[in-house]
Amino acid sequence: MNRSELVAAIAAESGLSQADVNRAIDGLFSVVSGAVKGGTKVAIPGWISFERTHRDARTGRNPQTGEAIQIAASYGVKVSAGSKLKAAAK
């Protein structure tokens, strides 16, 4: 399911217009990305959670030459499914 299909399905289920649903989804992802960037965990209990993670700097290898390279420290995002989402996937 892509974004436009998701928007259409939510609009049909909720009775809202597709424009309203699209703005709500944009708002959701804006709030989630801002909170995660600030280091705050965002959780919808039972469904999903988003959390910022830190990866330390490390030494890697260039697969073509075998040369050692330094990989800089970085941040990532951990997305975890909650119990209700896991149960729905069965």
PDB file of N, CA and C in Angstrom:
ATOM      1  N   MET A   1       0.855  -1.171   0.000  1.00  0.00           N
ATOM      2  CA  MET A   1       0.000   0.000   0.000  1.00  0.00           C
ATOM      3  C   MET A   1       0.899   1.230   0.000  1.00  0.00           C
ATOM      4  N   ASN A   2       0.701   2.109  -0.956  1.00  0.00           N
ATOM      5  CA  ASN A   2       1.478   3.343  -0.978  1.00  0.00           C
ATOM      6  C   ASN A   2       0.705   4.462  -0.269  1.00  0.00           C
ATOM      7  N   ARG A   3       1.287   5.646  -0.245  1.00  0.00           N
ATOM      8  CA  ARG A   3       0.700   6.739   0.517  1.00  0.00           C
ATOM      9  C   ARG A   3      -0.684   7.122   0.007  1.00  0.00           C
ATOM     10  N   SER A   4      -0.862   7.237  -1.305  1.00  0.00           N
ATOM     11  CA  SER A   4      -2.163   7.649  -1.829  1.00  0.00           C
ATOM     12  C   SER A   4      -3.239   6.604  -1.537  1.00  0.00           C
ATOM     13  N   GLU A   5      -2.873   5.329  -1.579  1.00  0.00           N
ATOM     14  CA  GLU A   5      -3.825   4.272  -1.226  1.00  0.00           C
ATOM     15  C   GLU A   5      -4.162   4.327   0.260  1.00  0.00           C
ATOM     16  N   LEU A   6      -3.172   4.609   1.091  1.00  0.00           N
ATOM     17  CA  LEU A   6      -3.398   4.747   2.524  1.00  0.00           C
ATOM     18  C   LEU A   6      -4.335   5.913   2.814  1.00  0.00           C
ATOM     19  N   VAL A   7      -4.083   7.056   2.179  1.00  0.00           N
ATOM     20  CA  VAL A   7      -4.929   8.239   2.381  1.00  0.00           C
ATOM     21  C   VAL A   7      -6.365   7.935   1.962  1.00  0.00           C
ATOM     22  N   ALA A   8      -6.542   7.293   0.818  1.00  0.00           N
ATOM     23  CA  ALA A   8      -7.883   6.959   0.338  1.00  0.00           C
ATOM     24  C   ALA A   8      -8.592   5.995   1.293  1.00  0.00           C
ATOM     25  N   ALA A   9      -7.873   4.991   1.803  1.00  0.00           N
ATOM     26  CA  ALA A   9      -8.468   4.023   2.718  1.00  0.00           C
ATOM     27  C   ALA A   9      -8.873   4.673   4.037  1.00  0.00           C
ATOM     28  N   ILE A  10      -8.016   5.535   4.580  1.00  0.00           N
ATOM     29  CA  ILE A  10      -8.350   6.226   5.834  1.00  0.00           C
ATOM     30  C   ILE A  10      -9.528   7.162   5.625  1.00  0.00           C
ATOM     31  N   ALA A  11      -9.561   7.860   4.496  1.00  0.00           N
ATOM     32  CA  ALA A  11     -10.674   8.765   4.199  1.00  0.00           C
ATOM     33  C   ALA A  11     -11.987   7.996   4.108  1.00  0.00           C
ATOM     34  N   ALA A  12     -11.965   6.836   3.458  1.00  0.00           N
ATOM     35  CA  ALA A  12     -13.178   6.023   3.340  1.00  0.00           C
ATOM     36  C   ALA A  12     -13.623   5.497   4.707  1.00  0.00           C
ATOM     37  N   GLU A  13     -12.672   5.084   5.530  1.00  0.00           N
ATOM     38  CA  GLU A  13     -12.984   4.521   6.850  1.00  0.00           C
ATOM     39  C   GLU A  13     -13.487   5.584   7.825  1.00  0.00           C
ATOM     40  N   SER A  14     -12.914   6.792   7.756  1.00  0.00           N
ATOM     41  CA  SER A  14     -13.221   7.829   8.745  1.00  0.00           C
ATOM     42  C   SER A  14     -14.293   8.818   8.311  1.00  0.00           C
ATOM     43  N   GLY A  15     -14.563   8.891   7.008  1.00  0.00           N
ATOM     44  CA  GLY A  15     -15.528   9.878   6.520  1.00  0.00           C
ATOM     45  C   GLY A  15     -14.927  11.254   6.332  1.00  0.00           C
ATOM     46  N   LEU A  16     -13.625  11.389   6.527  1.00  0.00           N
ATOM     47  CA  LEU A  16     -12.947  12.660   6.295  1.00  0.00           C
ATOM     48  C   LEU A  16     -12.566  12.783   4.822  1.00  0.00           C
ATOM     49  N   SER A  17     -12.262  14.003   4.404  1.00  0.00           N
ATOM     50  CA  SER A  17     -11.817  14.184   3.023  1.00  0.00           C
ATOM     51  C   SER A  17     -10.368  13.714   2.893  1.00  0.00           C
ATOM     52  N   GLN A  18      -9.985  13.380   1.673  1.00  0.00           N
ATOM     53  CA  GLN A  18      -8.606  12.946   1.453  1.00  0.00           C
ATOM     54  C   GLN A  18      -7.629  14.076   1.758  1.00  0.00           C
ATOM     55  N   ALA A  19      -8.014  15.316   1.524  1.00  0.00           N
ATOM     56  CA  ALA A  19      -7.138  16.452   1.833  1.00  0.00           C
ATOM     57  C   ALA A  19      -6.900  16.547   3.341  1.00  0.00           C
ATOM     58  N   ASP A  20      -7.960  16.341   4.128  1.00  0.00           N
ATOM     59  CA  ASP A  20      -7.822  16.388   5.591  1.00  0.00           C
ATOM     60  C   ASP A  20      -6.929  15.254   6.096  1.00  0.00           C
ATOM     61  N   VAL A  21      -7.125  14.059   5.551  1.00  0.00           N
ATOM     62  CA  VAL A  21      -6.313  12.906   5.951  1.00  0.00           C
ATOM     63  C   VAL A  21      -4.857  13.140   5.580  1.00  0.00           C
ATOM     64  N   ASN A  22      -4.635  13.689   4.387  1.00  0.00           N
ATOM     65  CA  ASN A  22      -3.264  13.961   3.933  1.00  0.00           C
ATOM     66  C   ASN A  22      -2.574  14.956   4.862  1.00  0.00           C
ATOM     67  N   ARG A  23      -3.289  16.006   5.273  1.00  0.00           N
ATOM     68  CA  ARG A  23      -2.714  16.984   6.213  1.00  0.00           C
ATOM     69  C   ARG A  23      -2.441  16.345   7.572  1.00  0.00           C
ATOM     70  N   ALA A  24      -3.320  15.465   8.012  1.00  0.00           N
ATOM     71  CA  ALA A  24      -3.121  14.785   9.300  1.00  0.00           C
ATOM     72  C   ALA A  24      -1.891  13.888   9.248  1.00  0.00           C
ATOM     73  N   ILE A  25      -1.692  13.161   8.158  1.00  0.00           N
ATOM     74  CA  ILE A  25      -0.514  12.300   8.016  1.00  0.00           C
ATOM     75  C   ILE A  25       0.751  13.145   7.966  1.00  0.00           C
ATOM     76  N   ASP A  26       0.718  14.256   7.224  1.00  0.00           N
ATOM     77  CA  ASP A  26       1.872  15.160   7.189  1.00  0.00           C
ATOM     78  C   ASP A  26       2.190  15.674   8.586  1.00  0.00           C
ATOM     79  N   GLY A  27       1.154  16.041   9.343  1.00  0.00           N
ATOM     80  CA  GLY A  27       1.347  16.526  10.702  1.00  0.00           C
ATOM     81  C   GLY A  27       1.921  15.460  11.614  1.00  0.00           C
ATOM     82  N   LEU A  28       1.425  14.233  11.491  1.00  0.00           N
ATOM     83  CA  LEU A  28       1.930  13.126  12.297  1.00  0.00           C
ATOM     84  C   LEU A  28       3.416  12.926  12.069  1.00  0.00           C
ATOM     85  N   PHE A  29       3.829  12.827  10.804  1.00  0.00           N
ATOM     86  CA  PHE A  29       5.235  12.586  10.520  1.00  0.00           C
ATOM     87  C   PHE A  29       6.112  13.781  10.865  1.00  0.00           C
ATOM     88  N   SER A  30       5.586  14.978  10.787  1.00  0.00           N
ATOM     89  CA  SER A  30       6.337  16.162  11.189  1.00  0.00           C
ATOM     90  C   SER A  30       6.603  16.138  12.700  1.00  0.00           C
ATOM     91  N   VAL A  31       5.586  15.810  13.474  1.00  0.00           N
ATOM     92  CA  VAL A  31       5.733  15.751  14.932  1.00  0.00           C
ATOM     93  C   VAL A  31       6.670  14.611  15.328  1.00  0.00           C
ATOM     94  N   VAL A  32       6.487  13.435  14.714  1.00  0.00           N
ATOM     95  CA  VAL A  32       7.332  12.286  15.044  1.00  0.00           C
ATOM     96  C   VAL A  32       8.786  12.577  14.709  1.00  0.00           C
ATOM     97  N   SER A  33       9.054  13.124  13.516  1.00  0.00           N
ATOM     98  CA  SER A  33      10.443  13.386  13.130  1.00  0.00           C
ATOM     99  C   SER A  33      11.075  14.452  14.021  1.00  0.00           C
ATOM    100  N   GLY A  34      10.322  15.480  14.390  1.00  0.00           N
ATOM    101  CA  GLY A  34      10.853  16.501  15.291  1.00  0.00           C
ATOM    102  C   GLY A  34      11.175  15.949  16.669  1.00  0.00           C
ATOM    103  N   ALA A  35      10.286  15.104  17.189  1.00  0.00           N
ATOM    104  CA  ALA A  35      10.505  14.528  18.513  1.00  0.00           C
ATOM    105  C   ALA A  35      11.693  13.575  18.497  1.00  0.00           C
ATOM    106  N   VAL A  36      11.776  12.729  17.484  1.00  0.00           N
ATOM    107  CA  VAL A  36      12.875  11.766  17.404  1.00  0.00           C
ATOM    108  C   VAL A  36      14.203  12.495  17.233  1.00  0.00           C
ATOM    109  N   LYS A  37      14.205  13.551  16.414  1.00  0.00           N
ATOM    110  CA  LYS A  37      15.432  14.325  16.220  1.00  0.00           C
ATOM    111  C   LYS A  37      15.901  14.942  17.541  1.00  0.00           C
ATOM    112  N   GLY A  38      14.942  15.314  18.388  1.00  0.00           N
ATOM    113  CA  GLY A  38      15.265  15.880  19.693  1.00  0.00           C
ATOM    114  C   GLY A  38      15.616  14.838  20.743  1.00  0.00           C
ATOM    115  N   GLY A  39      15.542  13.560  20.389  1.00  0.00           N
ATOM    116  CA  GLY A  39      15.903  12.507  21.328  1.00  0.00           C
ATOM    117  C   GLY A  39      14.751  11.960  22.145  1.00  0.00           C
ATOM    118  N   THR A  40      13.524  12.364  21.825  1.00  0.00           N
ATOM    119  CA  THR A  40      12.355  11.894  22.553  1.00  0.00           C
ATOM    120  C   THR A  40      11.781  10.655  21.888  1.00  0.00           C
ATOM    121  N   LYS A  41      11.479   9.643  22.682  1.00  0.00           N
ATOM    122  CA  LYS A  41      10.835   8.440  22.147  1.00  0.00           C
ATOM    123  C   LYS A  41       9.353   8.729  21.940  1.00  0.00           C
ATOM    124  N   VAL A  42       8.824   8.319  20.798  1.00  0.00           N
ATOM    125  CA  VAL A  42       7.408   8.485  20.493  1.00  0.00           C
ATOM    126  C   VAL A  42       6.781   7.099  20.471  1.00  0.00           C
ATOM    127  N   ALA A  43       5.739   6.891  21.266  1.00  0.00           N
ATOM    128  CA  ALA A  43       5.107   5.571  21.330  1.00  0.00           C
ATOM    129  C   ALA A  43       3.596   5.708  21.261  1.00  0.00           C
ATOM    130  N   ILE A  44       2.995   4.857  20.450  1.00  0.00           N
ATOM    131  CA  ILE A  44       1.553   4.687  20.438  1.00  0.00           C
ATOM    132  C   ILE A  44       1.354   3.291  21.029  1.00  0.00           C
ATOM    133  N   PRO A  45       1.036   3.206  22.333  1.00  0.00           N
ATOM    134  CA  PRO A  45       1.025   1.923  23.034  1.00  0.00           C
ATOM    135  C   PRO A  45       0.218   0.848  22.301  1.00  0.00           C
ATOM    136  N   GLY A  46       0.841  -0.295  22.148  1.00  0.00           N
ATOM    137  CA  GLY A  46       0.213  -1.420  21.492  1.00  0.00           C
ATOM    138  C   GLY A  46       0.395  -1.434  19.987  1.00  0.00           C
ATOM    139  N   TRP A  47       0.792  -0.311  19.391  1.00  0.00           N
ATOM    140  CA  TRP A  47       0.885  -0.243  17.936  1.00  0.00           C
ATOM    141  C   TRP A  47       2.303  -0.064  17.426  1.00  0.00           C
ATOM    142  N   ILE A  48       2.958   1.028  17.788  1.00  0.00           N
ATOM    143  CA  ILE A  48       4.279   1.311  17.205  1.00  0.00           C
ATOM    144  C   ILE A  48       5.035   2.306  18.081  1.00  0.00           C
ATOM    145  N   SER A  49       6.362   2.241  18.026  1.00  0.00           N
ATOM    146  CA  SER A  49       7.180   3.247  18.718  1.00  0.00           C
ATOM    147  C   SER A  49       8.380   3.601  17.847  1.00  0.00           C
ATOM    148  N   PHE A  50       8.833   4.832  17.996  1.00  0.00           N
ATOM    149  CA  PHE A  50       9.971   5.365  17.257  1.00  0.00           C
ATOM    150  C   PHE A  50      10.976   5.882  18.275  1.00  0.00           C
ATOM    151  N   GLU A  51      12.243   5.534  18.094  1.00  0.00           N
ATOM    152  CA  GLU A  51      13.273   5.932  19.051  1.00  0.00           C
ATOM    153  C   GLU A  51      14.583   6.209  18.315  1.00  0.00           C
ATOM    154  N   ARG A  52      15.255   7.289  18.689  1.00  0.00           N
ATOM    155  CA  ARG A  52      16.547   7.635  18.097  1.00  0.00           C
ATOM    156  C   ARG A  52      17.631   6.736  18.688  1.00  0.00           C
ATOM    157  N   THR A  53      18.505   6.234  17.831  1.00  0.00           N
ATOM    158  CA  THR A  53      19.620   5.405  18.285  1.00  0.00           C
ATOM    159  C   THR A  53      20.929   6.033  17.843  1.00  0.00           C
ATOM    160  N   HIS A  54      22.002   5.697  18.527  1.00  0.00           N
ATOM    161  CA  HIS A  54      23.326   6.227  18.190  1.00  0.00           C
ATOM    162  C   HIS A  54      24.239   5.080  17.796  1.00  0.00           C
ATOM    163  N   ARG A  55      24.934   5.256  16.686  1.00  0.00           N
ATOM    164  CA  ARG A  55      25.934   4.273  16.260  1.00  0.00           C
ATOM    165  C   ARG A  55      27.301   4.897  16.462  1.00  0.00           C
ATOM    166  N   ASP A  56      28.166   4.223  17.193  1.00  0.00           N
ATOM    167  CA  ASP A  56      29.518   4.717  17.439  1.00  0.00           C
ATOM    168  C   ASP A  56      30.349   4.650  16.165  1.00  0.00           C
ATOM    169  N   ALA A  57      31.402   5.456  16.137  1.00  0.00           N
ATOM    170  CA  ALA A  57      32.356   5.391  15.025  1.00  0.00           C
ATOM    171  C   ALA A  57      33.030   4.021  15.045  1.00  0.00           C
ATOM    172  N   ARG A  58      33.362   3.524  13.868  1.00  0.00           N
ATOM    173  CA  ARG A  58      33.968   2.195  13.803  1.00  0.00           C
ATOM    174  C   ARG A  58      34.851   2.090  12.573  1.00  0.00           C
ATOM    175  N   THR A  59      35.645   1.043  12.544  1.00  0.00           N
ATOM    176  CA  THR A  59      36.494   0.766  11.391  1.00  0.00           C
ATOM    177  C   THR A  59      35.795  -0.258  10.516  1.00  0.00           C
ATOM    178  N   GLY A  60      35.719   0.044   9.225  1.00  0.00           N
ATOM    179  CA  GLY A  60      35.109  -0.877   8.270  1.00  0.00           C
ATOM    180  C   GLY A  60      36.117  -1.256   7.204  1.00  0.00           C
ATOM    181  N   ARG A  61      35.689  -2.010   6.240  1.00  0.00           N
ATOM    182  CA  ARG A  61      36.559  -2.435   5.133  1.00  0.00           C
ATOM    183  C   ARG A  61      35.895  -2.113   3.808  1.00  0.00           C
ATOM    184  N   ASN A  62      36.687  -1.595   2.873  1.00  0.00           N
ATOM    185  CA  ASN A  62      36.226  -1.403   1.508  1.00  0.00           C
ATOM    186  C   ASN A  62      36.154  -2.796   0.879  1.00  0.00           C
ATOM    187  N   PRO A  63      34.978  -3.244   0.443  1.00  0.00           N
ATOM    188  CA  PRO A  63      34.872  -4.609  -0.059  1.00  0.00           C
ATOM    189  C   PRO A  63      35.641  -4.857  -1.363  1.00  0.00           C
ATOM    190  N   GLN A  64      35.916  -3.801  -2.116  1.00  0.00           N
ATOM    191  CA  GLN A  64      36.646  -3.985  -3.374  1.00  0.00           C
ATOM    192  C   GLN A  64      38.145  -4.099  -3.157  1.00  0.00           C
ATOM    193  N   THR A  65      38.679  -3.275  -2.247  1.00  0.00           N
ATOM    194  CA  THR A  65      40.135  -3.242  -2.066  1.00  0.00           C
ATOM    195  C   THR A  65      40.591  -3.899  -0.770  1.00  0.00           C
ATOM    196  N   GLY A  66      39.672  -4.076   0.179  1.00  0.00           N
ATOM    197  CA  GLY A  66      40.052  -4.615   1.475  1.00  0.00           C
ATOM    198  C   GLY A  66      40.689  -3.580   2.382  1.00  0.00           C
ATOM    199  N   GLU A  67      40.784  -2.343   1.918  1.00  0.00           N
ATOM    200  CA  GLU A  67      41.396  -1.255   2.681  1.00  0.00           C
ATOM    201  C   GLU A  67      40.517  -0.890   3.881  1.00  0.00           C
ATOM    202  N   ALA A  68      41.150  -0.642   5.029  1.00  0.00           N
ATOM    203  CA  ALA A  68      40.431  -0.216   6.230  1.00  0.00           C
ATOM    204  C   ALA A  68      39.991   1.233   6.061  1.00  0.00           C
ATOM    205  N   ILE A  69      38.739   1.516   6.429  1.00  0.00           N
ATOM    206  CA  ILE A  69      38.221   2.887   6.371  1.00  0.00           C
ATOM    207  C   ILE A  69      37.531   3.201   7.696  1.00  0.00           C
ATOM    208  N   GLN A  70      37.494   4.464   8.039  1.00  0.00           N
ATOM    209  CA  GLN A  70      36.825   4.919   9.248  1.00  0.00           C
ATOM    210  C   GLN A  70      35.393   5.297   8.895  1.00  0.00           C
ATOM    211  N   ILE A  71      34.450   4.742   9.617  1.00  0.00           N
ATOM    212  CA  ILE A  71      33.044   5.084   9.446  1.00  0.00           C
ATOM    213  C   ILE A  71      32.666   5.987  10.618  1.00  0.00           C
ATOM    214  N   ALA A  72      32.174   7.170  10.308  1.00  0.00           N
ATOM    215  CA  ALA A  72      31.862   8.167  11.333  1.00  0.00           C
ATOM    216  C   ALA A  72      30.671   7.731  12.190  1.00  0.00           C
ATOM    217  N   ALA A  73      30.591   8.272  13.390  1.00  0.00           N
ATOM    218  CA  ALA A  73      29.442   8.043  14.260  1.00  0.00           C
ATOM    219  C   ALA A  73      28.212   8.656  13.597  1.00  0.00           C
ATOM    220  N   SER A  74      27.056   8.068  13.839  1.00  0.00           N
ATOM    221  CA  SER A  74      25.831   8.577  13.234  1.00  0.00           C
ATOM    222  C   SER A  74      24.626   8.220  14.093  1.00  0.00           C
ATOM    223  N   TYR A  75      23.490   8.740  13.699  1.00  0.00           N
ATOM    224  CA  TYR A  75      22.233   8.446  14.370  1.00  0.00           C
ATOM    225  C   TYR A  75      21.329   7.678  13.423  1.00  0.00           C
ATOM    226  N   GLY A  76      20.457   6.881  13.996  1.00  0.00           N
ATOM    227  CA  GLY A  76      19.464   6.139  13.238  1.00  0.00           C
ATOM    228  C   GLY A  76      18.159   6.155  14.001  1.00  0.00           C
ATOM    229  N   VAL A  77      17.170   5.492  13.458  1.00  0.00           N
ATOM    230  CA  VAL A  77      15.867   5.420  14.105  1.00  0.00           C
ATOM    231  C   VAL A  77      15.466   3.957  14.244  1.00  0.00           C
ATOM    232  N   LYS A  78      15.051   3.590  15.430  1.00  0.00           N
ATOM    233  CA  LYS A  78      14.559   2.239  15.701  1.00  0.00           C
ATOM    234  C   LYS A  78      13.032   2.323  15.714  1.00  0.00           C
ATOM    235  N   VAL A  79      12.402   1.507  14.885  1.00  0.00           N
ATOM    236  CA  VAL A  79      10.947   1.444  14.824  1.00  0.00           C
ATOM    237  C   VAL A  79      10.541   0.066  15.343  1.00  0.00           C
ATOM    238  N   SER A  80       9.707   0.036  16.370  1.00  0.00           N
ATOM    239  CA  SER A  80       9.292  -1.226  16.984  1.00  0.00           C
ATOM    240  C   SER A  80       7.787  -1.394  16.881  1.00  0.00           C
ATOM    241  N   ALA A  81       7.372  -2.582  16.476  1.00  0.00           N
ATOM    242  CA  ALA A  81       5.939  -2.901  16.429  1.00  0.00           C
ATOM    243  C   ALA A  81       5.450  -3.256  17.820  1.00  0.00           C
ATOM    244  N   GLY A  82       4.237  -2.800  18.153  1.00  0.00           N
ATOM    245  CA  GLY A  82       3.626  -3.119  19.424  1.00  0.00           C
ATOM    246  C   GLY A  82       2.840  -4.421  19.357  1.00  0.00           C
ATOM    247  N   SER A  83       2.281  -4.831  20.470  1.00  0.00           N
ATOM    248  CA  SER A  83       1.587  -6.119  20.566  1.00  0.00           C
ATOM    249  C   SER A  83       0.368  -6.206  19.665  1.00  0.00           C
ATOM    250  N   LYS A  84      -0.406  -5.131  19.537  1.00  0.00           N
ATOM    251  CA  LYS A  84      -1.596  -5.161  18.691  1.00  0.00           C
ATOM    252  C   LYS A  84      -1.223  -5.285  17.219  1.00  0.00           C
ATOM    253  N   LEU A  85      -0.163  -4.586  16.812  1.00  0.00           N
ATOM    254  CA  LEU A  85       0.291  -4.676  15.422  1.00  0.00           C
ATOM    255  C   LEU A  85       0.839  -6.061  15.129  1.00  0.00           C
ATOM    256  N   LYS A  86       1.594  -6.621  16.060  1.00  0.00           N
ATOM    257  CA  LYS A  86       2.124  -7.981  15.882  1.00  0.00           C
ATOM    258  C   LYS A  86       0.982  -8.992  15.782  1.00  0.00           C
ATOM    259  N   ALA A  87      -0.039  -8.847  16.618  1.00  0.00           N
ATOM    260  CA  ALA A  87      -1.180  -9.762  16.588  1.00  0.00           C
ATOM    261  C   ALA A  87      -1.958  -9.630  15.284  1.00  0.00           C
ATOM    262  N   ALA A  88      -2.039  -8.419  14.745  1.00  0.00           N
ATOM    263  CA  ALA A  88      -2.768  -8.203  13.490  1.00  0.00           C
ATOM    264  C   ALA A  88      -2.038  -8.828  12.306  1.00  0.00           C
ATOM    265  N   ALA A  89      -0.740  -9.023  12.432  1.00  0.00           N
ATOM    266  CA  ALA A  89       0.052  -9.574  11.341  1.00  0.00           C
ATOM    267  C   ALA A  89      -0.016 -11.093  11.277  1.00  0.00           C
ATOM    268  N   LYS A  90      -0.581 -11.736  12.293  1.00  0.00           N
ATOM    269  CA  LYS A  90      -0.643 -13.199  12.323  1.00  0.00           C
ATOM    270  C   LYS A  90      -1.658 -13.728  11.355  1.00  0.00           C
TER     271      LYS A  90
END
